[in-house]
């Protein structure tokens, strides 16, 4: 797999996929034309990536970047995130990050009340 990213990021993604039991053989991949900003490149090339994880039937469509390779990387990364949320629930990295942000906002709100803010 070559997504046009650094070797470190690629190794991290492969490790994450292995831990979650995601195999490349289980992923069906299609390339379709993107829409939206990106100019002529987007209109002429099939840079949007659609993947389907056969065992879980999860489907992801990714058109974040103008590059097909980067979109392939981001689609697999999103698949990992979804499976982690499904398996780990409140202990998934995304849920822990959201909880941390929620607590920070609560703290700021309390500080604002104490100092006589709005």
PDB file of N, CA and C in Angstrom:
ATOM      1  N   UNK A   1       0.838  -1.186   0.000  1.00  0.00           N
ATOM      2  CA  UNK A   1       0.000   0.000   0.000  1.00  0.00           C
ATOM      3  C   UNK A   1       0.879   1.243   0.000  1.00  0.00           C
ATOM      4  N   UNK A   2       0.645   2.122  -0.935  1.00  0.00           N
ATOM      5  CA  UNK A   2       1.357   3.390  -0.957  1.00  0.00           C
ATOM      6  C   UNK A   2       0.328   4.498  -1.098  1.00  0.00           C
ATOM      7  N   UNK A   3       0.206   5.315  -0.058  1.00  0.00           N
ATOM      8  CA  UNK A   3      -0.806   6.367  -0.037  1.00  0.00           C
ATOM      9  C   UNK A   3      -0.201   7.750  -0.246  1.00  0.00           C
ATOM     10  N   UNK A   4       1.108   7.833  -0.422  1.00  0.00           N
ATOM     11  CA  UNK A   4       1.746   9.130  -0.567  1.00  0.00           C
ATOM     12  C   UNK A   4       1.871   9.853   0.767  1.00  0.00           C
ATOM     13  N   UNK A   5       2.073   9.095   1.845  1.00  0.00           N
ATOM     14  CA  UNK A   5       2.233   9.672   3.183  1.00  0.00           C
ATOM     15  C   UNK A   5       3.568   9.198   3.755  1.00  0.00           C
ATOM     16  N   UNK A   6       3.954   9.718   4.896  1.00  0.00           N
ATOM     17  CA  UNK A   6       5.218   9.302   5.498  1.00  0.00           C
ATOM     18  C   UNK A   6       5.148   7.845   5.936  1.00  0.00           C
ATOM     19  N   UNK A   7       6.302   7.229   5.996  1.00  0.00           N
ATOM     20  CA  UNK A   7       6.377   5.815   6.382  1.00  0.00           C
ATOM     21  C   UNK A   7       5.857   5.611   7.796  1.00  0.00           C
ATOM     22  N   UNK A   8       6.103   6.579   8.670  1.00  0.00           N
ATOM     23  CA  UNK A   8       5.658   6.472  10.065  1.00  0.00           C
ATOM     24  C   UNK A   8       4.130   6.388  10.139  1.00  0.00           C
ATOM     25  N   UNK A   9       3.450   7.281   9.402  1.00  0.00           N
ATOM     26  CA  UNK A   9       1.980   7.263   9.403  1.00  0.00           C
ATOM     27  C   UNK A   9       1.452   5.974   8.803  1.00  0.00           C
ATOM     28  N   UNK A  10       2.109   5.500   7.752  1.00  0.00           N
ATOM     29  CA  UNK A  10       1.671   4.261   7.118  1.00  0.00           C
ATOM     30  C   UNK A  10       1.830   3.077   8.072  1.00  0.00           C
ATOM     31  N   UNK A  11       2.942   3.032   8.794  1.00  0.00           N
ATOM     32  CA  UNK A  11       3.170   1.956   9.764  1.00  0.00           C
ATOM     33  C   UNK A  11       2.135   2.000  10.885  1.00  0.00           C
ATOM     34  N   UNK A  12       1.806   3.217  11.358  1.00  0.00           N
ATOM     35  CA  UNK A  12       0.797   3.367  12.421  1.00  0.00           C
ATOM     36  C   UNK A  12      -0.560   2.856  11.955  1.00  0.00           C
ATOM     37  N   UNK A  13      -0.925   3.184  10.710  1.00  0.00           N
ATOM     38  CA  UNK A  13      -2.209   2.736  10.173  1.00  0.00           C
ATOM     39  C   UNK A  13      -2.237   1.212  10.054  1.00  0.00           C
ATOM     40  N   UNK A  14      -1.164   0.621   9.528  1.00  0.00           N
ATOM     41  CA  UNK A  14      -1.108  -0.836   9.384  1.00  0.00           C
ATOM     42  C   UNK A  14      -1.188  -1.527  10.742  1.00  0.00           C
ATOM     43  N   UNK A  15      -0.509  -0.966  11.754  1.00  0.00           N
ATOM     44  CA  UNK A  15      -0.543  -1.533  13.109  1.00  0.00           C
ATOM     45  C   UNK A  15      -1.963  -1.454  13.676  1.00  0.00           C
ATOM     46  N   UNK A  16      -2.595  -0.315  13.486  1.00  0.00           N
ATOM     47  CA  UNK A  16      -3.971  -0.118  13.979  1.00  0.00           C
ATOM     48  C   UNK A  16      -4.940  -1.093  13.310  1.00  0.00           C
ATOM     49  N   UNK A  17      -4.773  -1.262  11.994  1.00  0.00           N
ATOM     50  CA  UNK A  17      -5.641  -2.186  11.257  1.00  0.00           C
ATOM     51  C   UNK A  17      -5.433  -3.621  11.739  1.00  0.00           C
ATOM     52  N   UNK A  18      -4.184  -3.994  12.008  1.00  0.00           N
ATOM     53  CA  UNK A  18      -3.879  -5.342  12.488  1.00  0.00           C
ATOM     54  C   UNK A  18      -4.513  -5.585  13.853  1.00  0.00           C
ATOM     55  N   UNK A  19      -4.401  -4.601  14.747  1.00  0.00           N
ATOM     56  CA  UNK A  19      -4.981  -4.737  16.090  1.00  0.00           C
ATOM     57  C   UNK A  19      -6.500  -4.911  16.041  1.00  0.00           C
ATOM     58  N   UNK A  20      -7.138  -4.253  15.072  1.00  0.00           N
ATOM     59  CA  UNK A  20      -8.598  -4.338  14.944  1.00  0.00           C
ATOM     60  C   UNK A  20      -9.046  -5.530  14.093  1.00  0.00           C
ATOM     61  N   UNK A  21      -8.095  -6.229  13.495  1.00  0.00           N
ATOM     62  CA  UNK A  21      -8.433  -7.394  12.681  1.00  0.00           C
ATOM     63  C   UNK A  21      -8.945  -7.036  11.295  1.00  0.00           C
ATOM     64  N   UNK A  22      -8.524  -5.881  10.783  1.00  0.00           N
ATOM     65  CA  UNK A  22      -8.930  -5.463   9.438  1.00  0.00           C
ATOM     66  C   UNK A  22      -7.871  -5.936   8.457  1.00  0.00           C
ATOM     67  N   UNK A  23      -8.299  -6.709   7.465  1.00  0.00           N
ATOM     68  CA  UNK A  23      -7.379  -7.176   6.431  1.00  0.00           C
ATOM     69  C   UNK A  23      -7.731  -6.497   5.113  1.00  0.00           C
ATOM     70  N   UNK A  24      -6.720  -6.266   4.297  1.00  0.00           N
ATOM     71  CA  UNK A  24      -6.953  -5.634   2.988  1.00  0.00           C
ATOM     72  C   UNK A  24      -7.890  -6.483   2.130  1.00  0.00           C
ATOM     73  N   UNK A  25      -7.855  -7.820   2.303  1.00  0.00           N
ATOM     74  CA  UNK A  25      -8.715  -8.712   1.520  1.00  0.00           C
ATOM     75  C   UNK A  25     -10.191  -8.494   1.849  1.00  0.00           C
ATOM     76  N   UNK A  26     -10.480  -7.959   3.045  1.00  0.00           N
ATOM     77  CA  UNK A  26     -11.863  -7.750   3.477  1.00  0.00           C
ATOM     78  C   UNK A  26     -12.431  -6.406   3.019  1.00  0.00           C
ATOM     79  N   UNK A  27     -11.604  -5.608   2.350  1.00  0.00           N
ATOM     80  CA  UNK A  27     -12.040  -4.278   1.936  1.00  0.00           C
ATOM     81  C   UNK A  27     -12.296  -4.252   0.434  1.00  0.00           C
ATOM     82  N   UNK A  28     -13.509  -3.833   0.063  1.00  0.00           N
ATOM     83  CA  UNK A  28     -13.841  -3.602  -1.344  1.00  0.00           C
ATOM     84  C   UNK A  28     -13.661  -2.104  -1.583  1.00  0.00           C
ATOM     85  N   UNK A  29     -12.981  -1.775  -2.672  1.00  0.00           N
ATOM     86  CA  UNK A  29     -12.641  -0.376  -2.911  1.00  0.00           C
ATOM     87  C   UNK A  29     -13.080   0.044  -4.310  1.00  0.00           C
ATOM     88  N   UNK A  30     -13.729   1.212  -4.387  1.00  0.00           N
ATOM     89  CA  UNK A  30     -14.130   1.782  -5.676  1.00  0.00           C
ATOM     90  C   UNK A  30     -13.674   3.229  -5.707  1.00  0.00           C
ATOM     91  N   UNK A  31     -13.411   3.716  -6.909  1.00  0.00           N
ATOM     92  CA  UNK A  31     -13.016   5.109  -7.088  1.00  0.00           C
ATOM     93  C   UNK A  31     -14.067   5.802  -7.936  1.00  0.00           C
ATOM     94  N   UNK A  32     -14.551   6.934  -7.460  1.00  0.00           N
ATOM     95  CA  UNK A  32     -15.585   7.673  -8.174  1.00  0.00           C
ATOM     96  C   UNK A  32     -15.176   9.136  -8.266  1.00  0.00           C
ATOM     97  N   UNK A  33     -15.837   9.864  -9.129  1.00  0.00           N
ATOM     98  CA  UNK A  33     -15.509  11.280  -9.289  1.00  0.00           C
ATOM     99  C   UNK A  33     -15.979  12.064  -8.071  1.00  0.00           C
ATOM    100  N   UNK A  34     -15.127  12.967  -7.643  1.00  0.00           N
ATOM    101  CA  UNK A  34     -15.466  13.833  -6.513  1.00  0.00           C
ATOM    102  C   UNK A  34     -16.372  14.952  -6.982  1.00  0.00           C
ATOM    103  N   UNK A  35     -16.879  15.695  -6.027  1.00  0.00           N
ATOM    104  CA  UNK A  35     -17.650  16.884  -6.340  1.00  0.00           C
ATOM    105  C   UNK A  35     -17.170  17.989  -5.428  1.00  0.00           C
ATOM    106  N   UNK A  36     -17.566  19.211  -5.714  1.00  0.00           N
ATOM    107  CA  UNK A  36     -17.194  20.317  -4.855  1.00  0.00           C
ATOM    108  C   UNK A  36     -15.907  20.984  -5.274  1.00  0.00           C
ATOM    109  N   UNK A  37     -15.215  21.674  -4.338  1.00  0.00           N
ATOM    110  CA  UNK A  37     -14.022  22.438  -4.697  1.00  0.00           C
ATOM    111  C   UNK A  37     -12.881  21.528  -5.137  1.00  0.00           C
ATOM    112  N   UNK A  38     -12.007  22.067  -5.955  1.00  0.00           N
ATOM    113  CA  UNK A  38     -10.873  21.298  -6.438  1.00  0.00           C
ATOM    114  C   UNK A  38     -10.603  21.567  -7.899  1.00  0.00           C
ATOM    115  N   UNK A  39     -11.511  22.275  -8.542  1.00  0.00           N
ATOM    116  CA  UNK A  39     -11.302  22.693  -9.925  1.00  0.00           C
ATOM    117  C   UNK A  39     -11.332  21.560 -10.915  1.00  0.00           C
ATOM    118  N   UNK A  40     -10.598  21.757 -12.006  1.00  0.00           N
ATOM    119  CA  UNK A  40     -10.617  20.813 -13.121  1.00  0.00           C
ATOM    120  C   UNK A  40     -10.124  19.436 -12.707  1.00  0.00           C
ATOM    121  N   UNK A  41      -9.158  19.376 -11.780  1.00  0.00           N
ATOM    122  CA  UNK A  41      -8.622  18.086 -11.333  1.00  0.00           C
ATOM    123  C   UNK A  41      -9.734  17.195 -10.784  1.00  0.00           C
ATOM    124  N   UNK A  42     -10.604  17.753  -9.994  1.00  0.00           N
ATOM    125  CA  UNK A  42     -11.693  16.988  -9.383  1.00  0.00           C
ATOM    126  C   UNK A  42     -12.692  16.526 -10.445  1.00  0.00           C
ATOM    127  N   UNK A  43     -12.932  17.365 -11.435  1.00  0.00           N
ATOM    128  CA  UNK A  43     -13.902  17.026 -12.470  1.00  0.00           C
ATOM    129  C   UNK A  43     -13.404  15.938 -13.419  1.00  0.00           C
ATOM    130  N   UNK A  44     -12.093  15.821 -13.586  1.00  0.00           N
ATOM    131  CA  UNK A  44     -11.545  14.898 -14.574  1.00  0.00           C
ATOM    132  C   UNK A  44     -11.075  13.567 -13.988  1.00  0.00           C
ATOM    133  N   UNK A  45     -10.721  13.534 -12.717  1.00  0.00           N
ATOM    134  CA  UNK A  45     -10.140  12.320 -12.142  1.00  0.00           C
ATOM    135  C   UNK A  45     -11.077  11.693 -11.111  1.00  0.00           C
ATOM    136  N   UNK A  46     -10.951  10.403 -10.929  1.00  0.00           N
ATOM    137  CA  UNK A  46     -11.760   9.684  -9.935  1.00  0.00           C
ATOM    138  C   UNK A  46     -10.967   9.646  -8.629  1.00  0.00           C
ATOM    139  N   UNK A  47     -10.966  10.759  -7.897  1.00  0.00           N
ATOM    140  CA  UNK A  47     -10.153  10.846  -6.680  1.00  0.00           C
ATOM    141  C   UNK A  47     -10.955  10.526  -5.418  1.00  0.00           C
ATOM    142  N   UNK A  48     -12.266  10.413  -5.516  1.00  0.00           N
ATOM    143  CA  UNK A  48     -13.093  10.063  -4.365  1.00  0.00           C
ATOM    144  C   UNK A  48     -13.014   8.551  -4.149  1.00  0.00           C
ATOM    145  N   UNK A  49     -12.830   8.147  -2.904  1.00  0.00           N
ATOM    146  CA  UNK A  49     -12.669   6.729  -2.582  1.00  0.00           C
ATOM    147  C   UNK A  49     -13.875   6.243  -1.800  1.00  0.00           C
ATOM    148  N   UNK A  50     -14.408   5.103  -2.221  1.00  0.00           N
ATOM    149  CA  UNK A  50     -15.528   4.460  -1.536  1.00  0.00           C
ATOM    150  C   UNK A  50     -15.040   3.083  -1.113  1.00  0.00           C
ATOM    151  N   UNK A  51     -15.021   2.821   0.195  1.00  0.00           N
ATOM    152  CA  UNK A  51     -14.624   1.488   0.654  1.00  0.00           C
ATOM    153  C   UNK A  51     -15.751   0.854   1.451  1.00  0.00           C
ATOM    154  N   UNK A  52     -15.772  -0.466   1.396  1.00  0.00           N
ATOM    155  CA  UNK A  52     -16.764  -1.251   2.134  1.00  0.00           C
ATOM    156  C   UNK A  52     -16.029  -2.372   2.837  1.00  0.00           C
ATOM    157  N   UNK A  53     -16.194  -2.444   4.164  1.00  0.00           N
ATOM    158  CA  UNK A  53     -15.595  -3.527   4.942  1.00  0.00           C
ATOM    159  C   UNK A  53     -16.606  -4.661   4.974  1.00  0.00           C
ATOM    160  N   UNK A  54     -16.315  -5.735   4.275  1.00  0.00           N
ATOM    161  CA  UNK A  54     -17.275  -6.814   4.062  1.00  0.00           C
ATOM    162  C   UNK A  54     -17.762  -7.459   5.365  1.00  0.00           C
ATOM    163  N   UNK A  55     -16.878  -7.832   6.321  1.00  0.00           N
ATOM    164  CA  UNK A  55     -17.371  -8.492   7.541  1.00  0.00           C
ATOM    165  C   UNK A  55     -18.348  -7.651   8.367  1.00  0.00           C
ATOM    166  N   UNK A  56     -18.104  -6.335   8.462  1.00  0.00           N
ATOM    167  CA  UNK A  56     -18.969  -5.486   9.285  1.00  0.00           C
ATOM    168  C   UNK A  56     -19.992  -4.709   8.467  1.00  0.00           C
ATOM    169  N   UNK A  57     -19.843  -4.730   7.138  1.00  0.00           N
ATOM    170  CA  UNK A  57     -20.730  -4.011   6.220  1.00  0.00           C
ATOM    171  C   UNK A  57     -20.691  -2.500   6.412  1.00  0.00           C
ATOM    172  N   UNK A  58     -19.571  -2.001   6.951  1.00  0.00           N
ATOM    173  CA  UNK A  58     -19.393  -0.556   7.098  1.00  0.00           C
ATOM    174  C   UNK A  58     -18.987   0.027   5.752  1.00  0.00           C
ATOM    175  N   UNK A  59     -19.565   1.176   5.402  1.00  0.00           N
ATOM    176  CA  UNK A  59     -19.257   1.831   4.134  1.00  0.00           C
ATOM    177  C   UNK A  59     -18.752   3.246   4.416  1.00  0.00           C
ATOM    178  N   UNK A  60     -17.683   3.626   3.726  1.00  0.00           N
ATOM    179  CA  UNK A  60     -17.094   4.937   3.913  1.00  0.00           C
ATOM    180  C   UNK A  60     -16.805   5.549   2.556  1.00  0.00           C
ATOM    181  N   UNK A  61     -17.205   6.814   2.411  1.00  0.00           N
ATOM    182  CA  UNK A  61     -16.915   7.569   1.198  1.00  0.00           C
ATOM    183  C   UNK A  61     -16.057   8.755   1.610  1.00  0.00           C
ATOM    184  N   UNK A  62     -14.877   8.884   1.014  1.00  0.00           N
ATOM    185  CA  UNK A  62     -13.937   9.915   1.437  1.00  0.00           C
ATOM    186  C   UNK A  62     -13.492  10.749   0.246  1.00  0.00           C
ATOM    187  N   UNK A  63     -13.699  12.064   0.340  1.00  0.00           N
ATOM    188  CA  UNK A  63     -13.214  12.973  -0.699  1.00  0.00           C
ATOM    189  C   UNK A  63     -12.628  14.232  -0.073  1.00  0.00           C
ATOM    190  N   UNK A  64     -11.886  14.045   1.006  1.00  0.00           N
ATOM    191  CA  UNK A  64     -11.319  15.161   1.760  1.00  0.00           C
ATOM    192  C   UNK A  64     -10.233  15.883   0.963  1.00  0.00           C
ATOM    193  N   UNK A  65      -9.411  15.128   0.240  1.00  0.00           N
ATOM    194  CA  UNK A  65      -8.277  15.703  -0.487  1.00  0.00           C
ATOM    195  C   UNK A  65      -8.464  15.546  -1.997  1.00  0.00           C
ATOM    196  N   UNK A  66      -7.622  16.228  -2.755  1.00  0.00           N
ATOM    197  CA  UNK A  66      -7.664  16.109  -4.212  1.00  0.00           C
ATOM    198  C   UNK A  66      -6.907  14.883  -4.693  1.00  0.00           C
ATOM    199  N   UNK A  67      -6.134  14.276  -3.830  1.00  0.00           N
ATOM    200  CA  UNK A  67      -5.309  13.125  -4.176  1.00  0.00           C
ATOM    201  C   UNK A  67      -6.028  11.820  -3.826  1.00  0.00           C
ATOM    202  N   UNK A  68      -6.034  10.890  -4.764  1.00  0.00           N
ATOM    203  CA  UNK A  68      -6.670   9.599  -4.535  1.00  0.00           C
ATOM    204  C   UNK A  68      -5.943   8.817  -3.435  1.00  0.00           C
ATOM    205  N   UNK A  69      -4.618   8.878  -3.421  1.00  0.00           N
ATOM    206  CA  UNK A  69      -3.830   8.163  -2.418  1.00  0.00           C
ATOM    207  C   UNK A  69      -4.152   8.626  -1.001  1.00  0.00           C
ATOM    208  N   UNK A  70      -4.223   9.935  -0.816  1.00  0.00           N
ATOM    209  CA  UNK A  70      -4.543  10.460   0.516  1.00  0.00           C
ATOM    210  C   UNK A  70      -5.963  10.083   0.921  1.00  0.00           C
ATOM    211  N   UNK A  71      -6.893  10.112  -0.014  1.00  0.00           N
ATOM    212  CA  UNK A  71      -8.268   9.733   0.299  1.00  0.00           C
ATOM    213  C   UNK A  71      -8.353   8.256   0.675  1.00  0.00           C
ATOM    214  N   UNK A  72      -7.536   7.418   0.051  1.00  0.00           N
ATOM    215  CA  UNK A  72      -7.500   5.993   0.427  1.00  0.00           C
ATOM    216  C   UNK A  72      -7.024   5.850   1.869  1.00  0.00           C
ATOM    217  N   UNK A  73      -5.999   6.628   2.242  1.00  0.00           N
ATOM    218  CA  UNK A  73      -5.473   6.605   3.607  1.00  0.00           C
ATOM    219  C   UNK A  73      -6.530   7.065   4.609  1.00  0.00           C
ATOM    220  N   UNK A  74      -7.165   8.215   4.325  1.00  0.00           N
ATOM    221  CA  UNK A  74      -8.168   8.755   5.246  1.00  0.00           C
ATOM    222  C   UNK A  74      -9.384   7.836   5.376  1.00  0.00           C
ATOM    223  N   UNK A  75      -9.754   7.144   4.309  1.00  0.00           N
ATOM    224  CA  UNK A  75     -10.892   6.222   4.378  1.00  0.00           C
ATOM    225  C   UNK A  75     -10.572   5.053   5.308  1.00  0.00           C
ATOM    226  N   UNK A  76      -9.377   4.513   5.189  1.00  0.00           N
ATOM    227  CA  UNK A  76      -8.983   3.399   6.072  1.00  0.00           C
ATOM    228  C   UNK A  76      -8.866   3.870   7.525  1.00  0.00           C
ATOM    229  N   UNK A  77      -8.353   5.074   7.709  1.00  0.00           N
ATOM    230  CA  UNK A  77      -8.238   5.633   9.055  1.00  0.00           C
ATOM    231  C   UNK A  77      -9.627   5.796   9.677  1.00  0.00           C
ATOM    232  N   UNK A  78     -10.588   6.273   8.893  1.00  0.00           N
ATOM    233  CA  UNK A  78     -11.964   6.447   9.377  1.00  0.00           C
ATOM    234  C   UNK A  78     -12.592   5.093   9.713  1.00  0.00           C
ATOM    235  N   UNK A  79     -12.304   4.088   8.901  1.00  0.00           N
ATOM    236  CA  UNK A  79     -12.804   2.738   9.172  1.00  0.00           C
ATOM    237  C   UNK A  79     -12.291   2.253  10.527  1.00  0.00           C
ATOM    238  N   UNK A  80     -11.022   2.489  10.800  1.00  0.00           N
ATOM    239  CA  UNK A  80     -10.446   2.109  12.096  1.00  0.00           C
ATOM    240  C   UNK A  80     -11.155   2.834  13.238  1.00  0.00           C
ATOM    241  N   UNK A  81     -11.406   4.130  13.050  1.00  0.00           N
ATOM    242  CA  UNK A  81     -12.083   4.915  14.093  1.00  0.00           C
ATOM    243  C   UNK A  81     -13.476   4.360  14.372  1.00  0.00           C
ATOM    244  N   UNK A  82     -14.214   4.033  13.319  1.00  0.00           N
ATOM    245  CA  UNK A  82     -15.570   3.512  13.499  1.00  0.00           C
ATOM    246  C   UNK A  82     -15.565   2.166  14.219  1.00  0.00           C
ATOM    247  N   UNK A  83     -14.625   1.303  13.849  1.00  0.00           N
ATOM    248  CA  UNK A  83     -14.550  -0.007  14.508  1.00  0.00           C
ATOM    249  C   UNK A  83     -14.128   0.127  15.970  1.00  0.00           C
ATOM    250  N   UNK A  84     -13.231   1.076  16.263  1.00  0.00           N
ATOM    251  CA  UNK A  84     -12.827   1.306  17.658  1.00  0.00           C
ATOM    252  C   UNK A  84     -14.011   1.794  18.482  1.00  0.00           C
ATOM    253  N   UNK A  85     -14.797   2.713  17.921  1.00  0.00           N
ATOM    254  CA  UNK A  85     -15.976   3.204  18.640  1.00  0.00           C
ATOM    255  C   UNK A  85     -16.960   2.068  18.902  1.00  0.00           C
ATOM    256  N   UNK A  86     -17.102   1.197  17.916  1.00  0.00           N
ATOM    257  CA  UNK A  86     -18.037   0.077  18.042  1.00  0.00           C
ATOM    258  C   UNK A  86     -17.563  -0.924  19.097  1.00  0.00           C
ATOM    259  N   UNK A  87     -16.262  -1.248  19.090  1.00  0.00           N
ATOM    260  CA  UNK A  87     -15.722  -2.253  20.004  1.00  0.00           C
ATOM    261  C   UNK A  87     -15.500  -1.713  21.413  1.00  0.00           C
ATOM    262  N   UNK A  88     -14.921  -0.505  21.508  1.00  0.00           N
ATOM    263  CA  UNK A  88     -14.507   0.017  22.803  1.00  0.00           C
ATOM    264  C   UNK A  88     -15.527   0.933  23.466  1.00  0.00           C
ATOM    265  N   UNK A  89     -16.429   1.498  22.694  1.00  0.00           N
ATOM    266  CA  UNK A  89     -17.446   2.386  23.257  1.00  0.00           C
ATOM    267  C   UNK A  89     -16.834   3.623  23.876  1.00  0.00           C
ATOM    268  N   UNK A  90     -17.046   3.827  25.172  1.00  0.00           N
ATOM    269  CA  UNK A  90     -16.570   5.030  25.865  1.00  0.00           C
ATOM    270  C   UNK A  90     -15.058   5.047  26.059  1.00  0.00           C
ATOM    271  N   UNK A  91     -14.405   3.933  25.820  1.00  0.00           N
ATOM    272  CA  UNK A  91     -12.960   3.868  25.994  1.00  0.00           C
ATOM    273  C   UNK A  91     -12.201   4.049  24.681  1.00  0.00           C
ATOM    274  N   UNK A  92     -12.907   4.311  23.595  1.00  0.00           N
ATOM    275  CA  UNK A  92     -12.244   4.515  22.303  1.00  0.00           C
ATOM    276  C   UNK A  92     -11.496   5.848  22.317  1.00  0.00           C
ATOM    277  N   UNK A  93     -10.422   5.968  21.538  1.00  0.00           N
ATOM    278  CA  UNK A  93      -9.656   7.226  21.521  1.00  0.00           C
ATOM    279  C   UNK A  93     -10.515   8.445  21.182  1.00  0.00           C
ATOM    280  N   UNK A  94     -11.445   8.307  20.255  1.00  0.00           N
ATOM    281  CA  UNK A  94     -12.302   9.436  19.869  1.00  0.00           C
ATOM    282  C   UNK A  94     -13.210   9.845  21.033  1.00  0.00           C
ATOM    283  N   UNK A  95     -13.757   8.860  21.750  1.00  0.00           N
ATOM    284  CA  UNK A  95     -14.630   9.160  22.882  1.00  0.00           C
ATOM    285  C   UNK A  95     -13.849   9.797  24.026  1.00  0.00           C
ATOM    286  N   UNK A  96     -12.627   9.324  24.261  1.00  0.00           N
ATOM    287  CA  UNK A  96     -11.795   9.898  25.321  1.00  0.00           C
ATOM    288  C   UNK A  96     -11.431  11.344  24.993  1.00  0.00           C
ATOM    289  N   UNK A  97     -11.141  11.621  23.722  1.00  0.00           N
ATOM    290  CA  UNK A  97     -10.809  12.979  23.302  1.00  0.00           C
ATOM    291  C   UNK A  97     -12.017  13.905  23.472  1.00  0.00           C
ATOM    292  N   UNK A  98     -13.201  13.427  23.093  1.00  0.00           N
ATOM    293  CA  UNK A  98     -14.416  14.220  23.241  1.00  0.00           C
ATOM    294  C   UNK A  98     -14.698  14.512  24.717  1.00  0.00           C
ATOM    295  N   UNK A  99     -14.479  13.535  25.570  1.00  0.00           N
ATOM    296  CA  UNK A  99     -14.686  13.706  27.012  1.00  0.00           C
ATOM    297  C   UNK A  99     -13.717  14.747  27.574  1.00  0.00           C
ATOM    298  N   UNK A 100     -12.474  14.703  27.123  1.00  0.00           N
ATOM    299  CA  UNK A 100     -11.466  15.669  27.579  1.00  0.00           C
ATOM    300  C   UNK A 100     -11.873  17.093  27.186  1.00  0.00           C
ATOM    301  N   UNK A 101     -12.332  17.267  25.970  1.00  0.00           N
ATOM    302  CA  UNK A 101     -12.756  18.589  25.489  1.00  0.00           C
ATOM    303  C   UNK A 101     -13.971  19.079  26.278  1.00  0.00           C
ATOM    304  N   UNK A 102     -14.910  18.169  26.554  1.00  0.00           N
ATOM    305  CA  UNK A 102     -16.094  18.534  27.318  1.00  0.00           C
ATOM    306  C   UNK A 102     -15.711  19.039  28.704  1.00  0.00           C
ATOM    307  N   UNK A 103     -14.766  18.357  29.356  1.00  0.00           N
ATOM    308  CA  UNK A 103     -14.316  18.772  30.683  1.00  0.00           C
ATOM    309  C   UNK A 103     -13.609  20.127  30.638  1.00  0.00           C
ATOM    310  N   UNK A 104     -12.808  20.353  29.590  1.00  0.00           N
ATOM    311  CA  UNK A 104     -12.124  21.637  29.459  1.00  0.00           C
ATOM    312  C   UNK A 104     -13.136  22.773  29.322  1.00  0.00           C
ATOM    313  N   UNK A 105     -14.171  22.550  28.534  1.00  0.00           N
ATOM    314  CA  UNK A 105     -15.199  23.576  28.345  1.00  0.00           C
ATOM    315  C   UNK A 105     -15.936  23.857  29.650  1.00  0.00           C
ATOM    316  N   UNK A 106     -16.211  22.812  30.431  1.00  0.00           N
ATOM    317  CA  UNK A 106     -16.866  23.001  31.724  1.00  0.00           C
ATOM    318  C   UNK A 106     -16.004  23.862  32.644  1.00  0.00           C
ATOM    319  N   UNK A 107     -14.684  23.564  32.664  1.00  0.00           N
ATOM    320  CA  UNK A 107     -13.764  24.325  33.499  1.00  0.00           C
ATOM    321  C   UNK A 107     -13.745  25.794  33.105  1.00  0.00           C
ATOM    322  N   UNK A 108     -13.676  26.052  31.808  1.00  0.00           N
ATOM    323  CA  UNK A 108     -13.655  27.442  31.323  1.00  0.00           C
ATOM    324  C   UNK A 108     -14.939  28.165  31.689  1.00  0.00           C
ATOM    325  N   UNK A 109     -16.048  27.456  31.613  1.00  0.00           N
ATOM    326  CA  UNK A 109     -17.341  28.047  31.940  1.00  0.00           C
ATOM    327  C   UNK A 109     -17.386  28.440  33.415  1.00  0.00           C
ATOM    328  N   UNK A 110     -16.890  27.566  34.288  1.00  0.00           N
ATOM    329  CA  UNK A 110     -16.861  27.862  35.717  1.00  0.00           C
ATOM    330  C   UNK A 110     -15.967  29.045  36.017  1.00  0.00           C
ATOM    331  N   UNK A 111     -14.786  29.087  35.354  1.00  0.00           N
ATOM    332  CA  UNK A 111     -13.858  30.202  35.570  1.00  0.00           C
ATOM    333  C   UNK A 111     -14.501  31.522  35.116  1.00  0.00           C
ATOM    334  N   UNK A 112     -15.234  31.471  34.030  1.00  0.00           N
ATOM    335  CA  UNK A 112     -15.908  32.672  33.519  1.00  0.00           C
ATOM    336  C   UNK A 112     -16.933  33.194  34.500  1.00  0.00           C
ATOM    337  N   UNK A 113     -17.658  32.308  35.152  1.00  0.00           N
ATOM    338  CA  UNK A 113     -18.663  32.720  36.145  1.00  0.00           C
ATOM    339  C   UNK A 113     -17.994  33.340  37.372  1.00  0.00           C
ATOM    340  N   UNK A 114     -16.868  32.750  37.804  1.00  0.00           N
ATOM    341  CA  UNK A 114     -16.175  33.227  39.006  1.00  0.00           C
ATOM    342  C   UNK A 114     -15.610  34.626  38.807  1.00  0.00           C
ATOM    343  N   UNK A 115     -15.101  34.908  37.619  1.00  0.00           N
ATOM    344  CA  UNK A 115     -14.475  36.224  37.380  1.00  0.00           C
ATOM    345  C   UNK A 115     -15.470  37.284  36.988  1.00  0.00           C
ATOM    346  N   UNK A 116     -16.755  36.947  37.009  1.00  0.00           N
ATOM    347  CA  UNK A 116     -17.795  37.931  36.700  1.00  0.00           C
ATOM    348  C   UNK A 116     -17.942  38.196  35.225  1.00  0.00           C
ATOM    349  N   UNK A 117     -17.649  37.202  34.437  1.00  0.00           N
ATOM    350  CA  UNK A 117     -17.788  37.348  32.982  1.00  0.00           C
ATOM    351  C   UNK A 117     -19.249  37.380  32.575  1.00  0.00           C
ATOM    352  N   UNK A 118     -19.490  37.269  31.300  1.00  0.00           N
ATOM    353  CA  UNK A 118     -20.849  37.319  30.766  1.00  0.00           C
ATOM    354  C   UNK A 118     -21.621  36.183  31.304  1.00  0.00           C
TER     355      UNK A 118
END
